[in-house]
């Protein structure tokens, strides 16, 4: 699932999106769900997405963002107003910790248990907590990201030895213009916007 906009309203259990790879999507939900999305097998990829709940629903115990499975890569995403932004598949053997951005969540992510192995511990990846909403107008169907989220980036990953260019990661789903500018919904494909 690549570069899609999904919006919906529902107080229900279940997960509306299940796929192997999610890249560059915005998921905005009014209501509570078990998870907005989940990987459907081990070795999923979830990068540069935004998972946003209506602010009135995130503290209920439902309203989780993304559920990772074994050996999954979940990085450079943005989570807002979730009961828990990143959740773990039950009995996962391996959970990867990587940098994501958060605002106004009851809990940002699962706590890696003593029976799990974090393969990225040597990298010591950092999460980022925003001081205000990364998408301040999402409730009005305006998904333009804030300057704080647009300018959030990390250079903590380097490519192979001998290369002179670091890997610069940008956070959140909407495409970002030169100099930190935002392009909002440009490039996102609406999927039954307003109802899923």
C-alpha atoms as a PDB file:
ATOM      1  CA  UNK A   1       0.000   0.000   0.000  1.00  0.00           C
ATOM      2  CA  UNK A   2       1.750   3.122  -1.240  1.00  0.00           C
ATOM      3  CA  UNK A   3       0.852   6.843  -0.946  1.00  0.00           C
ATOM      4  CA  UNK A   4      -2.835   6.501  -0.069  1.00  0.00           C
ATOM      5  CA  UNK A   5      -5.167   8.617   2.029  1.00  0.00           C
ATOM      6  CA  UNK A   6      -7.601   6.595   4.151  1.00  0.00           C
ATOM      7  CA  UNK A   7     -10.207   8.274   6.364  1.00  0.00           C
ATOM      8  CA  UNK A   8     -13.064   6.708   8.255  1.00  0.00           C
ATOM      9  CA  UNK A   9     -15.446   6.822  11.208  1.00  0.00           C
ATOM     10  CA  UNK A  10     -16.202   3.742  13.266  1.00  0.00           C
ATOM     11  CA  UNK A  11     -16.308   2.556  16.867  1.00  0.00           C
ATOM     12  CA  UNK A  12     -15.449  -1.061  16.228  1.00  0.00           C
ATOM     13  CA  UNK A  13     -12.982  -3.837  16.858  1.00  0.00           C
ATOM     14  CA  UNK A  14     -10.832  -5.075  14.032  1.00  0.00           C
ATOM     15  CA  UNK A  15      -8.216  -3.615  11.739  1.00  0.00           C
ATOM     16  CA  UNK A  16      -9.250  -1.880   8.502  1.00  0.00           C
ATOM     17  CA  UNK A  17      -5.839  -2.219   6.808  1.00  0.00           C
ATOM     18  CA  UNK A  18      -3.708  -5.354   6.619  1.00  0.00           C
ATOM     19  CA  UNK A  19      -0.817  -5.487   4.182  1.00  0.00           C
ATOM     20  CA  UNK A  20       2.801  -6.512   3.840  1.00  0.00           C
ATOM     21  CA  UNK A  21       4.250  -3.084   3.071  1.00  0.00           C
ATOM     22  CA  UNK A  22       3.013   0.432   3.886  1.00  0.00           C
ATOM     23  CA  UNK A  23       4.883   3.439   2.533  1.00  0.00           C
ATOM     24  CA  UNK A  24       3.842   7.094   2.502  1.00  0.00           C
ATOM     25  CA  UNK A  25       0.206   6.752   3.611  1.00  0.00           C
ATOM     26  CA  UNK A  26      -1.998   8.968   5.785  1.00  0.00           C
ATOM     27  CA  UNK A  27      -4.573   7.135   7.943  1.00  0.00           C
ATOM     28  CA  UNK A  28      -7.028   9.441   9.764  1.00  0.00           C
ATOM     29  CA  UNK A  29      -9.763   7.910  11.917  1.00  0.00           C
ATOM     30  CA  UNK A  30     -12.613   9.270  14.036  1.00  0.00           C
ATOM     31  CA  UNK A  31     -13.543   6.526  16.475  1.00  0.00           C
ATOM     32  CA  UNK A  32     -11.739   3.582  18.067  1.00  0.00           C
ATOM     33  CA  UNK A  33     -10.221   0.543  16.384  1.00  0.00           C
ATOM     34  CA  UNK A  34      -8.053  -2.309  17.613  1.00  0.00           C
ATOM     35  CA  UNK A  35      -5.382  -1.088  15.198  1.00  0.00           C
ATOM     36  CA  UNK A  36      -5.522   1.204  12.184  1.00  0.00           C
ATOM     37  CA  UNK A  37      -3.167  -1.098  10.307  1.00  0.00           C
ATOM     38  CA  UNK A  38      -1.055  -4.194  10.792  1.00  0.00           C
ATOM     39  CA  UNK A  39       1.496  -6.202   8.926  1.00  0.00           C
ATOM     40  CA  UNK A  40       0.161  -9.492   7.610  1.00  0.00           C
ATOM     41  CA  UNK A  41       3.334 -11.536   8.004  1.00  0.00           C
ATOM     42  CA  UNK A  42       6.849 -11.462   9.357  1.00  0.00           C
ATOM     43  CA  UNK A  43       9.314  -9.023   7.792  1.00  0.00           C
ATOM     44  CA  UNK A  44       6.801  -6.252   7.129  1.00  0.00           C
ATOM     45  CA  UNK A  45       7.812  -2.766   6.077  1.00  0.00           C
ATOM     46  CA  UNK A  46       6.093   0.310   7.535  1.00  0.00           C
ATOM     47  CA  UNK A  47       7.849   3.613   6.745  1.00  0.00           C
ATOM     48  CA  UNK A  48       6.931   7.268   6.231  1.00  0.00           C
ATOM     49  CA  UNK A  49       3.262   6.865   7.203  1.00  0.00           C
ATOM     50  CA  UNK A  50       1.027   9.003   9.427  1.00  0.00           C
ATOM     51  CA  UNK A  51      -1.484   7.355  11.799  1.00  0.00           C
ATOM     52  CA  UNK A  52      -3.883   9.901  13.333  1.00  0.00           C
ATOM     53  CA  UNK A  53      -6.957   9.500  15.538  1.00  0.00           C
ATOM     54  CA  UNK A  54      -9.573  12.065  16.440  1.00  0.00           C
ATOM     55  CA  UNK A  55      -8.316  13.566  19.707  1.00  0.00           C
ATOM     56  CA  UNK A  56     -11.411  12.531  21.679  1.00  0.00           C
ATOM     57  CA  UNK A  57     -10.946   8.789  21.299  1.00  0.00           C
ATOM     58  CA  UNK A  58      -7.336   7.888  21.977  1.00  0.00           C
ATOM     59  CA  UNK A  59      -7.480   7.301  25.745  1.00  0.00           C
ATOM     60  CA  UNK A  60     -10.113   4.539  25.707  1.00  0.00           C
ATOM     61  CA  UNK A  61      -7.906   1.452  25.394  1.00  0.00           C
ATOM     62  CA  UNK A  62      -8.742   0.961  21.737  1.00  0.00           C
ATOM     63  CA  UNK A  63      -7.364   3.262  19.130  1.00  0.00           C
ATOM     64  CA  UNK A  64      -3.990   1.644  18.459  1.00  0.00           C
ATOM     65  CA  UNK A  65      -1.891   2.762  15.502  1.00  0.00           C
ATOM     66  CA  UNK A  66       0.222   0.087  13.774  1.00  0.00           C
ATOM     67  CA  UNK A  67       0.863  -3.501  14.899  1.00  0.00           C
ATOM     68  CA  UNK A  68       4.262  -4.891  13.955  1.00  0.00           C
ATOM     69  CA  UNK A  69       4.946  -8.567  13.403  1.00  0.00           C
ATOM     70  CA  UNK A  70       8.190 -10.522  13.750  1.00  0.00           C
ATOM     71  CA  UNK A  71      11.329  -8.995  12.244  1.00  0.00           C
ATOM     72  CA  UNK A  72       9.438  -5.979  10.957  1.00  0.00           C
ATOM     73  CA  UNK A  73      10.828  -2.555  10.109  1.00  0.00           C
ATOM     74  CA  UNK A  74       8.660   0.269  11.428  1.00  0.00           C
ATOM     75  CA  UNK A  75      10.470   3.577  11.041  1.00  0.00           C
ATOM     76  CA  UNK A  76      10.071   7.275  10.233  1.00  0.00           C
ATOM     77  CA  UNK A  77       6.294   7.200  10.841  1.00  0.00           C
ATOM     78  CA  UNK A  78       4.160   9.764  12.667  1.00  0.00           C
ATOM     79  CA  UNK A  79       1.576   8.775  15.330  1.00  0.00           C
ATOM     80  CA  UNK A  80      -0.969  11.171  16.854  1.00  0.00           C
ATOM     81  CA  UNK A  81      -3.657  10.616  19.524  1.00  0.00           C
ATOM     82  CA  UNK A  82      -3.311   6.830  19.671  1.00  0.00           C
ATOM     83  CA  UNK A  83      -3.898   4.745  22.800  1.00  0.00           C
ATOM     84  CA  UNK A  84      -0.585   3.164  21.747  1.00  0.00           C
ATOM     85  CA  UNK A  85       1.170   4.255  18.584  1.00  0.00           C
ATOM     86  CA  UNK A  86       3.149   1.090  17.850  1.00  0.00           C
ATOM     87  CA  UNK A  87       1.944  -2.253  19.186  1.00  0.00           C
ATOM     88  CA  UNK A  88       3.593  -5.680  18.958  1.00  0.00           C
ATOM     89  CA  UNK A  89       2.220  -8.932  17.594  1.00  0.00           C
ATOM     90  CA  UNK A  90       1.587 -11.395  20.436  1.00  0.00           C
ATOM     91  CA  UNK A  91       4.567 -13.636  21.107  1.00  0.00           C
ATOM     92  CA  UNK A  92       6.828 -11.836  18.655  1.00  0.00           C
ATOM     93  CA  UNK A  93      10.308 -13.318  18.716  1.00  0.00           C
ATOM     94  CA  UNK A  94      12.054 -10.262  17.318  1.00  0.00           C
ATOM     95  CA  UNK A  95      10.942  -6.635  17.426  1.00  0.00           C
ATOM     96  CA  UNK A  96      12.903  -3.881  15.730  1.00  0.00           C
ATOM     97  CA  UNK A  97      13.124  -0.504  17.419  1.00  0.00           C
ATOM     98  CA  UNK A  98      13.677   2.381  15.045  1.00  0.00           C
ATOM     99  CA  UNK A  99      12.984   6.145  15.094  1.00  0.00           C
ATOM    100  CA  UNK A 100       9.403   7.386  14.808  1.00  0.00           C
ATOM    101  CA  UNK A 101       7.693  10.689  15.667  1.00  0.00           C
ATOM    102  CA  UNK A 102       4.868  11.012  18.217  1.00  0.00           C
ATOM    103  CA  UNK A 103       2.382  13.548  19.563  1.00  0.00           C
ATOM    104  CA  UNK A 104      -0.441  13.238  22.157  1.00  0.00           C
ATOM    105  CA  UNK A 105      -0.447   9.435  22.502  1.00  0.00           C
ATOM    106  CA  UNK A 106      -1.341   7.658  25.740  1.00  0.00           C
ATOM    107  CA  UNK A 107       1.717   5.445  25.065  1.00  0.00           C
ATOM    108  CA  UNK A 108       4.065   5.863  22.142  1.00  0.00           C
ATOM    109  CA  UNK A 109       5.061   2.222  21.721  1.00  0.00           C
ATOM    110  CA  UNK A 110       5.186  -1.203  23.301  1.00  0.00           C
ATOM    111  CA  UNK A 111       7.895  -1.970  25.807  1.00  0.00           C
ATOM    112  CA  UNK A 112      10.240  -4.644  24.532  1.00  0.00           C
ATOM    113  CA  UNK A 113       9.974  -7.565  26.940  1.00  0.00           C
ATOM    114  CA  UNK A 114      12.852  -9.571  28.346  1.00  0.00           C
ATOM    115  CA  UNK A 115      11.910 -12.499  26.077  1.00  0.00           C
ATOM    116  CA  UNK A 116      12.382 -10.405  22.916  1.00  0.00           C
ATOM    117  CA  UNK A 117      15.493  -9.369  21.074  1.00  0.00           C
ATOM    118  CA  UNK A 118      15.958  -5.835  19.752  1.00  0.00           C
ATOM    119  CA  UNK A 119      18.217  -6.205  16.730  1.00  0.00           C
ATOM    120  CA  UNK A 120      18.824  -2.461  16.489  1.00  0.00           C
ATOM    121  CA  UNK A 121      20.147  -1.894  20.002  1.00  0.00           C
ATOM    122  CA  UNK A 122      23.665  -1.030  18.728  1.00  0.00           C
ATOM    123  CA  UNK A 123      22.167   1.767  16.619  1.00  0.00           C
ATOM    124  CA  UNK A 124      20.398   3.283  19.655  1.00  0.00           C
ATOM    125  CA  UNK A 125      17.717   4.819  17.464  1.00  0.00           C
ATOM    126  CA  UNK A 126      15.898   7.802  18.932  1.00  0.00           C
ATOM    127  CA  UNK A 127      12.166   8.511  18.915  1.00  0.00           C
ATOM    128  CA  UNK A 128      10.955  12.094  18.600  1.00  0.00           C
ATOM    129  CA  UNK A 129       8.166  13.790  20.555  1.00  0.00           C
ATOM    130  CA  UNK A 130       6.638  16.798  18.831  1.00  0.00           C
ATOM    131  CA  UNK A 131       5.596  19.869  20.832  1.00  0.00           C
ATOM    132  CA  UNK A 132       2.349  20.266  18.852  1.00  0.00           C
ATOM    133  CA  UNK A 133       0.297  18.388  16.272  1.00  0.00           C
ATOM    134  CA  UNK A 134       2.197  17.328  13.182  1.00  0.00           C
ATOM    135  CA  UNK A 135      -1.012  17.753  11.164  1.00  0.00           C
ATOM    136  CA  UNK A 136      -2.903  20.558  12.916  1.00  0.00           C
ATOM    137  CA  UNK A 137      -5.807  20.642  10.442  1.00  0.00           C
ATOM    138  CA  UNK A 138      -6.468  16.941   9.852  1.00  0.00           C
ATOM    139  CA  UNK A 139      -9.932  17.198  11.427  1.00  0.00           C
ATOM    140  CA  UNK A 140     -10.859  19.616   8.629  1.00  0.00           C
ATOM    141  CA  UNK A 141      -9.543  17.272   5.922  1.00  0.00           C
ATOM    142  CA  UNK A 142      -6.390  19.339   5.512  1.00  0.00           C
ATOM    143  CA  UNK A 143      -3.433  16.984   5.847  1.00  0.00           C
ATOM    144  CA  UNK A 144      -0.688  19.543   5.365  1.00  0.00           C
ATOM    145  CA  UNK A 145       2.031  18.772   7.889  1.00  0.00           C
ATOM    146  CA  UNK A 146       3.395  21.250  10.383  1.00  0.00           C
ATOM    147  CA  UNK A 147       6.776  22.889   9.966  1.00  0.00           C
ATOM    148  CA  UNK A 148       8.043  20.965  13.005  1.00  0.00           C
ATOM    149  CA  UNK A 149       7.255  17.601  11.409  1.00  0.00           C
ATOM    150  CA  UNK A 150       8.395  18.705   7.946  1.00  0.00           C
ATOM    151  CA  UNK A 151      11.770  19.733   9.306  1.00  0.00           C
ATOM    152  CA  UNK A 152      12.209  16.651  11.497  1.00  0.00           C
ATOM    153  CA  UNK A 153      14.952  14.470  10.130  1.00  0.00           C
ATOM    154  CA  UNK A 154      17.777  12.313  11.347  1.00  0.00           C
ATOM    155  CA  UNK A 155      21.281  11.663  10.122  1.00  0.00           C
ATOM    156  CA  UNK A 156      22.032   8.908  12.603  1.00  0.00           C
ATOM    157  CA  UNK A 157      22.268   6.221   9.918  1.00  0.00           C
ATOM    158  CA  UNK A 158      25.292   6.036   7.666  1.00  0.00           C
ATOM    159  CA  UNK A 159      25.570   4.013   4.464  1.00  0.00           C
ATOM    160  CA  UNK A 160      28.271   1.515   3.641  1.00  0.00           C
ATOM    161  CA  UNK A 161      31.853   2.397   4.592  1.00  0.00           C
ATOM    162  CA  UNK A 162      33.573   4.575   2.044  1.00  0.00           C
ATOM    163  CA  UNK A 163      30.462   6.479   1.063  1.00  0.00           C
ATOM    164  CA  UNK A 164      30.455  10.237   1.615  1.00  0.00           C
ATOM    165  CA  UNK A 165      26.678  10.609   1.864  1.00  0.00           C
ATOM    166  CA  UNK A 166      24.674   9.905   5.016  1.00  0.00           C
ATOM    167  CA  UNK A 167      21.156   8.509   4.832  1.00  0.00           C
ATOM    168  CA  UNK A 168      18.772  11.328   5.729  1.00  0.00           C
ATOM    169  CA  UNK A 169      15.352  10.137   6.856  1.00  0.00           C
ATOM    170  CA  UNK A 170      12.254  12.307   6.683  1.00  0.00           C
ATOM    171  CA  UNK A 171       9.252  11.611   8.926  1.00  0.00           C
ATOM    172  CA  UNK A 172       5.549  11.420   8.154  1.00  0.00           C
ATOM    173  CA  UNK A 173       3.604  10.620   5.028  1.00  0.00           C
ATOM    174  CA  UNK A 174       2.975  13.820   3.045  1.00  0.00           C
ATOM    175  CA  UNK A 175       5.634  14.673   0.523  1.00  0.00           C
ATOM    176  CA  UNK A 176       7.989  17.420   1.577  1.00  0.00           C
ATOM    177  CA  UNK A 177       9.331  20.145  -0.654  1.00  0.00           C
ATOM    178  CA  UNK A 178      12.793  21.641  -0.774  1.00  0.00           C
ATOM    179  CA  UNK A 179      13.802  23.602   2.300  1.00  0.00           C
ATOM    180  CA  UNK A 180      11.282  21.882   4.570  1.00  0.00           C
ATOM    181  CA  UNK A 181       8.199  23.056   2.680  1.00  0.00           C
ATOM    182  CA  UNK A 182       5.090  20.894   2.631  1.00  0.00           C
ATOM    183  CA  UNK A 183       2.827  19.839  -0.182  1.00  0.00           C
ATOM    184  CA  UNK A 184      -0.037  18.477   1.926  1.00  0.00           C
ATOM    185  CA  UNK A 185      -2.208  15.960   0.094  1.00  0.00           C
ATOM    186  CA  UNK A 186      -0.381  16.220  -3.204  1.00  0.00           C
ATOM    187  CA  UNK A 187       0.575  12.745  -4.363  1.00  0.00           C
ATOM    188  CA  UNK A 188      -1.824  10.936  -2.022  1.00  0.00           C
ATOM    189  CA  UNK A 189      -4.626   8.893  -3.557  1.00  0.00           C
ATOM    190  CA  UNK A 190      -7.941   9.046  -1.700  1.00  0.00           C
ATOM    191  CA  UNK A 191      -9.535   5.680  -0.923  1.00  0.00           C
ATOM    192  CA  UNK A 192     -13.243   6.306  -0.411  1.00  0.00           C
ATOM    193  CA  UNK A 193     -12.322   9.402   1.558  1.00  0.00           C
ATOM    194  CA  UNK A 194     -14.665   9.814   4.502  1.00  0.00           C
ATOM    195  CA  UNK A 195     -15.669   6.161   4.638  1.00  0.00           C
ATOM    196  CA  UNK A 196     -13.799   2.884   4.645  1.00  0.00           C
END
